[in-house]
Amino acid sequence: MEKFRYIDDVDRAYGAAGMAISLVIYDGDSLLYSINLDADDPHDIMEMSPDFFFAGNPVVSAKAAWTQIVNNFSIGVSMLIANLMCRHLVHGGHAVPDEVARDLKEAAHDDGAGACALEPDEVDRLFNKSYTYLWRLFSHQGVQAVAHDFASALSSRRTLSRLDVLELLQPLRML
C-alpha cells in the first residue's frame, strides 16, 4: 500500500529501528538474524529466522503449534505498528495518521483471520493493546534517543547482525 511505503533511506532506517525495538521489548529478538537497509525488497529489510515463519511440525501438538503461530502473528503486528510509530512519531515528530493506523488494523484483521483463524474482536484486542503500549513507548524521550542512535548507526553501516542490534539497543534496558 502506498501509505506504508518508505519515503527514503532515512525513513527506511527509522522503520527498521522501530521493528528492532519491538522485537527486543517483546522478547522476539531471537527470531532476528540481521537487518539489511539495502535489501532489494523493503519486506526483506529484516532477515528473520525460520521459526518466525512457523508452518507447523508433526511432533508438536495442535494447541502448541497454534499458540506459536498466534505469538508470531502478535510479534509481526507489533513490528509493523512499531515501524510506523518510529517513522512518524520519532522521526517525523507527529502521530501516525488515523487513516494509516486504520489501514494497518485492517491488514492485521486479514492476516489474523488467514494465518491463525482469529476473530475480529481477538485481533482488535491484540492490535489495540500493542498500539497503546507502543505509543507510550515511542513517546518516551529516552526511547526516542535510542531510536535516533539506532537509525543513524544503521544508515551508516547499512547492515547489522543480531548481535549488533542487541548491542545498539542495550540502552533500552536502562530505561
Protein backbone atom coordinates (compact mmCIF):
# COMPACT_ATOMS: atom_id res chain seq x y z
CA MET A 1 0.00 0.00 0.00
CA GLU A 2 1.13 3.47 -0.80
CA LYS A 3 0.51 4.70 2.76
CA PHE A 4 3.11 2.31 4.15
CA ARG A 5 5.86 2.94 1.55
CA TYR A 6 9.19 4.34 2.66
CA ILE A 7 9.92 7.89 1.56
CA ASP A 8 13.71 7.49 1.54
CA ASP A 9 16.58 5.63 3.22
CA VAL A 10 16.25 7.64 6.43
CA ASP A 11 12.57 6.71 6.67
CA ARG A 12 13.55 3.08 6.00
CA ALA A 13 16.18 3.21 8.77
CA TYR A 14 13.64 4.55 11.27
CA GLY A 15 11.16 1.86 10.25
CA ALA A 16 13.81 -0.81 10.82
CA ALA A 17 14.71 0.81 14.15
CA GLY A 18 11.09 0.58 15.25
CA MET A 19 10.85 -3.07 14.25
CA ALA A 20 14.10 -3.93 16.02
CA ILE A 21 12.98 -2.13 19.18
CA SER A 22 9.68 -4.00 19.16
CA LEU A 23 11.48 -7.34 18.77
CA VAL A 24 13.62 -6.57 21.80
CA ILE A 25 10.82 -5.33 24.04
CA TYR A 26 8.52 -8.24 23.11
CA ASP A 27 11.33 -10.79 23.66
CA GLY A 28 11.37 -11.76 19.99
CA ASP A 29 14.97 -10.78 19.29
CA SER A 30 15.96 -14.45 18.96
CA LEU A 31 13.84 -14.50 15.78
CA LEU A 32 16.07 -11.86 14.12
CA TYR A 33 19.11 -12.81 12.05
CA SER A 34 20.07 -9.41 10.63
CA ILE A 35 18.92 -6.08 9.22
CA ASN A 36 19.90 -5.03 5.71
CA LEU A 37 18.93 -1.48 4.79
CA ASP A 38 19.88 -2.16 1.16
CA ALA A 39 17.56 -5.14 0.67
CA ASP A 40 16.01 -5.05 -2.79
CA ASP A 41 12.52 -5.57 -1.43
CA PRO A 42 11.52 -3.42 1.58
CA HIS A 43 9.88 -6.54 3.08
CA ASP A 44 13.33 -8.14 3.25
CA ILE A 45 15.00 -5.49 5.42
CA MET A 46 14.55 -7.73 8.45
CA GLU A 47 16.03 -11.19 7.95
CA MET A 48 14.11 -13.41 10.33
CA SER A 49 14.78 -16.96 11.48
CA PRO A 50 12.63 -19.76 10.04
CA ASP A 51 10.92 -20.03 13.45
CA PHE A 52 9.22 -16.69 12.75
CA PHE A 53 7.54 -18.22 9.71
CA PHE A 54 6.46 -21.31 11.68
CA ALA A 55 4.42 -23.56 9.42
CA GLY A 56 3.83 -26.44 11.79
CA ASN A 57 5.58 -29.55 12.95
CA PRO A 58 4.03 -33.01 13.24
CA VAL A 59 5.84 -33.56 16.56
CA VAL A 60 4.20 -30.51 18.17
CA SER A 61 0.61 -30.62 19.44
CA ALA A 62 -2.00 -28.65 17.54
CA LYS A 63 -2.53 -26.36 20.55
CA ALA A 64 1.20 -25.65 20.91
CA ALA A 65 1.51 -25.01 17.17
CA TRP A 66 -1.47 -22.63 17.18
CA THR A 67 -0.11 -20.80 20.24
CA GLN A 68 3.23 -20.32 18.46
CA ILE A 69 1.51 -19.09 15.29
CA VAL A 70 -0.56 -16.57 17.28
CA ASN A 71 2.56 -15.42 19.17
CA ASN A 72 4.45 -14.90 15.91
CA PHE A 73 1.44 -13.08 14.45
CA SER A 74 1.38 -10.82 17.52
CA ILE A 75 5.09 -10.08 17.17
CA GLY A 76 4.63 -9.35 13.46
CA VAL A 77 1.78 -6.92 14.14
CA SER A 78 3.84 -5.22 16.85
CA MET A 79 6.76 -4.88 14.42
CA LEU A 80 4.52 -3.19 11.84
CA ILE A 81 3.00 -0.83 14.41
CA ALA A 82 6.47 -0.01 15.76
CA ASN A 83 7.73 0.62 12.23
CA LEU A 84 5.05 3.27 11.72
CA MET A 85 5.37 4.71 15.23
CA CYS A 86 9.11 5.18 14.87
CA ARG A 87 8.82 6.68 11.40
CA HIS A 88 6.01 9.08 12.28
CA LEU A 89 6.32 9.81 15.99
CA VAL A 90 10.11 9.66 16.44
CA HIS A 91 11.43 10.75 13.04
CA GLY A 92 8.53 12.87 11.83
CA GLY A 93 7.53 14.33 15.18
CA HIS A 94 3.82 13.68 14.67
CA ALA A 95 1.29 10.94 15.33
CA VAL A 96 0.58 8.16 12.88
CA PRO A 97 -2.31 9.47 10.74
CA ASP A 98 -5.64 7.89 11.72
CA GLU A 99 -6.21 6.62 8.19
CA VAL A 100 -2.84 4.84 8.15
CA ALA A 101 -3.50 3.26 11.56
CA ARG A 102 -6.94 2.16 10.36
CA ASP A 103 -5.45 0.58 7.22
CA LEU A 104 -2.83 -1.21 9.30
CA LYS A 105 -5.52 -2.56 11.61
CA GLU A 106 -7.50 -3.76 8.58
CA ALA A 107 -4.41 -5.58 7.28
CA ALA A 108 -3.98 -7.15 10.73
CA HIS A 109 -7.58 -8.37 10.56
CA ASP A 110 -6.93 -10.00 7.19
CA ASP A 111 -3.71 -11.65 8.35
CA GLY A 112 -5.16 -12.71 11.71
CA ALA A 113 -8.10 -14.40 10.04
CA GLY A 114 -5.93 -16.09 7.41
CA ALA A 115 -2.86 -17.03 9.42
CA CYS A 116 -4.41 -18.16 12.70
CA ALA A 117 -8.21 -18.02 12.36
CA LEU A 118 -8.57 -15.16 14.83
CA GLU A 119 -11.93 -13.45 15.13
CA PRO A 120 -12.08 -9.67 14.53
CA ASP A 121 -12.53 -8.93 18.26
CA GLU A 122 -9.43 -11.03 19.06
CA VAL A 123 -7.38 -9.11 16.50
CA ASP A 124 -8.78 -5.82 17.84
CA ARG A 125 -7.71 -6.65 21.41
CA LEU A 126 -4.23 -7.69 20.29
CA PHE A 127 -3.80 -4.70 17.97
CA ASN A 128 -5.16 -2.11 20.41
CA LYS A 129 -3.07 -3.39 23.31
CA SER A 130 0.10 -3.30 21.21
CA TYR A 131 -0.75 0.09 19.65
CA THR A 132 -1.35 1.71 23.04
CA TYR A 133 1.81 0.25 24.55
CA LEU A 134 3.98 1.20 21.56
CA TRP A 135 2.50 4.73 21.52
CA ARG A 136 3.63 5.21 25.13
CA LEU A 137 7.00 3.58 24.40
CA PHE A 138 7.84 5.70 21.36
CA SER A 139 6.61 8.86 23.12
CA HIS A 140 9.32 8.37 25.77
CA GLN A 141 12.30 10.69 25.17
CA GLY A 142 14.80 8.01 26.20
CA VAL A 143 13.38 5.53 23.68
CA GLN A 144 13.38 8.25 21.04
CA ALA A 145 17.08 8.90 21.69
CA VAL A 146 17.85 5.17 21.34
CA ALA A 147 15.81 5.05 18.11
CA HIS A 148 17.66 8.06 16.67
CA ASP A 149 21.04 6.49 17.51
CA PHE A 150 19.99 3.13 16.08
CA ALA A 151 18.69 4.63 12.83
CA SER A 152 21.89 6.65 12.48
CA ALA A 153 24.09 3.59 13.04
CA LEU A 154 22.04 1.54 10.58
CA SER A 155 22.20 4.33 7.98
CA SER A 156 25.98 4.48 8.17
CA ARG A 157 26.68 0.73 8.47
CA ARG A 158 23.82 -0.42 6.16
CA THR A 159 23.77 -3.93 7.68
CA LEU A 160 23.53 -5.04 11.29
CA SER A 161 23.80 -8.54 12.69
CA ARG A 162 21.54 -9.71 15.52
CA LEU A 163 24.40 -9.08 17.96
CA ASP A 164 24.91 -5.56 16.59
CA VAL A 165 21.20 -4.89 17.09
CA LEU A 166 21.28 -6.15 20.68
CA GLU A 167 24.35 -4.04 21.43
CA LEU A 168 22.82 -0.88 19.95
CA LEU A 169 19.56 -1.45 21.83
CA GLN A 170 21.20 -2.26 25.16
CA PRO A 171 20.36 1.24 26.47
CA LEU A 172 16.66 0.27 26.38
CA ARG A 173 17.31 -1.97 29.36
CA MET A 174 18.35 1.09 31.38
CA LEU A 175 15.06 2.94 30.81
